[in-house]
Amino acid sequence: MSQAARVASEGEALPLSPLATWVKVIHLVMAVVGAVIALRFLMKLLAVDPHAGLARLVYGVTEPIVSPFTGLLGNPVGTGSQIEVPSLVAMVAYGLIGALLAREVLLMAGGRMAPWRR
């Protein structure tokens, strides 16, 4: 029995290939970006004071990420709250970019690895 088979049969985790690690890093970065943009969307929807510390931090960090999508569609504004459509578009766009990057890394490996099954 090979060492890899023995290690796998004993229930220990096999080491990930470097490309599988890159795929996991891409997914992690895209998840963090999506979560911060979702927080921005929620704060705008709830009409959080933009001068509050956390709001300034979130808006400051996400402004360069969301700004390429500003002006594509209008923002419906209610009584103080707004549905920030560019944030929604940015979440979808960055999610697709992350999926494409991860797929490209998988293709570089010859399509032989499936890190989500490990």
Protein backbone atom coordinates (compact mmCIF):
# COMPACT_ATOMS: atom_id res chain seq x y z
CA MET A 1 0.00 0.00 0.00
CA SER A 2 1.41 3.40 -0.94
CA GLN A 3 1.98 6.02 1.70
CA ALA A 4 -0.72 8.30 0.25
CA ALA A 5 -3.28 5.50 0.36
CA ARG A 6 -2.20 4.57 3.89
CA VAL A 7 -2.46 8.17 5.08
CA ALA A 8 -5.86 8.59 3.44
CA SER A 9 -7.14 5.32 4.92
CA GLU A 10 -6.08 6.35 8.43
CA GLY A 11 -8.31 9.42 8.22
CA GLU A 12 -5.50 11.95 8.13
CA ALA A 13 -5.67 14.82 5.68
CA LEU A 14 -3.54 14.60 2.58
CA PRO A 15 -1.45 17.69 1.84
CA LEU A 16 -3.01 19.93 -0.77
CA SER A 17 -1.20 20.64 -3.97
CA PRO A 18 0.05 24.23 -4.42
CA LEU A 19 -2.61 24.89 -7.04
CA ALA A 20 -5.35 23.63 -4.73
CA THR A 21 -4.03 26.02 -2.12
CA TRP A 22 -4.27 28.87 -4.64
CA VAL A 23 -7.88 27.94 -5.39
CA LYS A 24 -8.67 28.06 -1.68
CA VAL A 25 -6.94 31.46 -1.35
CA ILE A 26 -8.94 32.82 -4.30
CA HIS A 27 -12.19 31.60 -2.75
CA LEU A 28 -11.26 33.09 0.63
CA VAL A 29 -10.37 36.49 -0.82
CA MET A 30 -13.54 36.61 -2.89
CA ALA A 31 -15.63 35.59 0.15
CA VAL A 32 -14.11 38.41 2.22
CA VAL A 33 -14.66 40.94 -0.59
CA GLY A 34 -18.26 39.78 -1.00
CA ALA A 35 -18.90 39.95 2.74
CA VAL A 36 -17.55 43.49 3.05
CA ILE A 37 -19.60 44.65 0.05
CA ALA A 38 -22.68 42.95 1.54
CA LEU A 39 -22.04 44.79 4.81
CA ARG A 40 -21.85 48.07 2.86
CA PHE A 41 -25.14 47.24 1.13
CA LEU A 42 -26.81 46.46 4.44
CA MET A 43 -25.49 49.64 6.06
CA LYS A 44 -26.80 51.75 3.17
CA LEU A 45 -30.14 49.95 3.31
CA LEU A 46 -30.46 50.61 7.04
CA ALA A 47 -29.34 54.24 6.63
CA VAL A 48 -26.42 53.94 9.03
CA ASP A 49 -24.81 57.28 9.87
CA PRO A 50 -21.90 57.60 7.39
CA HIS A 51 -19.87 59.49 10.00
CA ALA A 52 -19.88 56.59 12.48
CA GLY A 53 -16.53 54.85 12.83
CA LEU A 54 -17.46 51.43 11.44
CA ALA A 55 -19.46 52.97 8.59
CA ARG A 56 -16.52 55.20 7.61
CA LEU A 57 -14.21 52.17 7.65
CA VAL A 58 -16.54 50.00 5.57
CA TYR A 59 -17.36 52.79 3.09
CA GLY A 60 -13.69 53.74 2.80
CA VAL A 61 -12.55 50.18 2.15
CA THR A 62 -15.33 49.34 -0.30
CA GLU A 63 -15.43 52.61 -2.24
CA PRO A 64 -12.58 51.64 -4.62
CA ILE A 65 -14.10 48.17 -5.03
CA VAL A 66 -17.62 49.40 -5.83
CA SER A 67 -16.74 52.59 -7.73
CA PRO A 68 -16.27 50.90 -11.14
CA PHE A 69 -19.95 49.96 -11.00
CA THR A 70 -21.28 53.34 -9.86
CA GLY A 71 -23.40 55.01 -12.48
CA LEU A 72 -24.41 51.81 -14.27
CA LEU A 73 -27.84 51.77 -12.68
CA GLY A 74 -29.73 54.17 -10.47
CA ASN A 75 -30.16 53.86 -6.74
CA PRO A 76 -33.73 53.79 -5.42
CA VAL A 77 -33.78 56.07 -2.37
CA GLY A 78 -36.31 55.82 0.43
CA THR A 79 -36.59 57.81 3.65
CA GLY A 80 -32.88 57.91 4.43
CA SER A 81 -32.20 54.39 3.28
CA GLN A 82 -31.18 53.37 -0.18
CA ILE A 83 -30.86 50.20 -2.17
CA GLU A 84 -27.35 50.55 -3.52
CA VAL A 85 -27.51 48.69 -6.82
CA PRO A 86 -23.78 49.12 -7.62
CA SER A 87 -22.96 47.08 -4.51
CA LEU A 88 -25.17 44.25 -5.73
CA VAL A 89 -23.62 44.40 -9.20
CA ALA A 90 -20.13 44.42 -7.64
CA MET A 91 -20.90 41.33 -5.54
CA VAL A 92 -22.05 39.43 -8.62
CA ALA A 93 -19.14 40.65 -10.76
CA TYR A 94 -16.45 39.84 -8.20
CA GLY A 95 -18.04 36.47 -7.52
CA LEU A 96 -17.86 35.65 -11.23
CA ILE A 97 -14.27 36.91 -11.44
CA GLY A 98 -13.31 34.72 -8.48
CA ALA A 99 -14.99 31.69 -10.02
CA LEU A 100 -13.22 32.29 -13.33
CA LEU A 101 -9.84 32.72 -11.62
CA ALA A 102 -10.32 29.53 -9.64
CA ARG A 103 -11.36 27.69 -12.81
CA GLU A 104 -8.27 29.00 -14.60
CA VAL A 105 -6.05 27.65 -11.83
CA LEU A 106 -7.80 24.30 -12.14
CA LEU A 107 -7.23 24.32 -15.89
CA MET A 108 -3.55 25.07 -15.29
CA ALA A 109 -3.45 21.83 -13.31
CA GLY A 110 -4.84 19.98 -16.29
CA GLY A 111 -8.28 19.71 -14.73
CA ARG A 112 -7.09 16.80 -12.62
CA MET A 113 -7.71 18.17 -9.16
CA ALA A 114 -10.93 18.89 -7.38
CA PRO A 115 -10.07 20.79 -4.17
CA TRP A 116 -13.73 21.07 -3.13
CA ARG A 117 -13.82 17.28 -2.72
CA ARG A 118 -10.92 17.13 -0.28
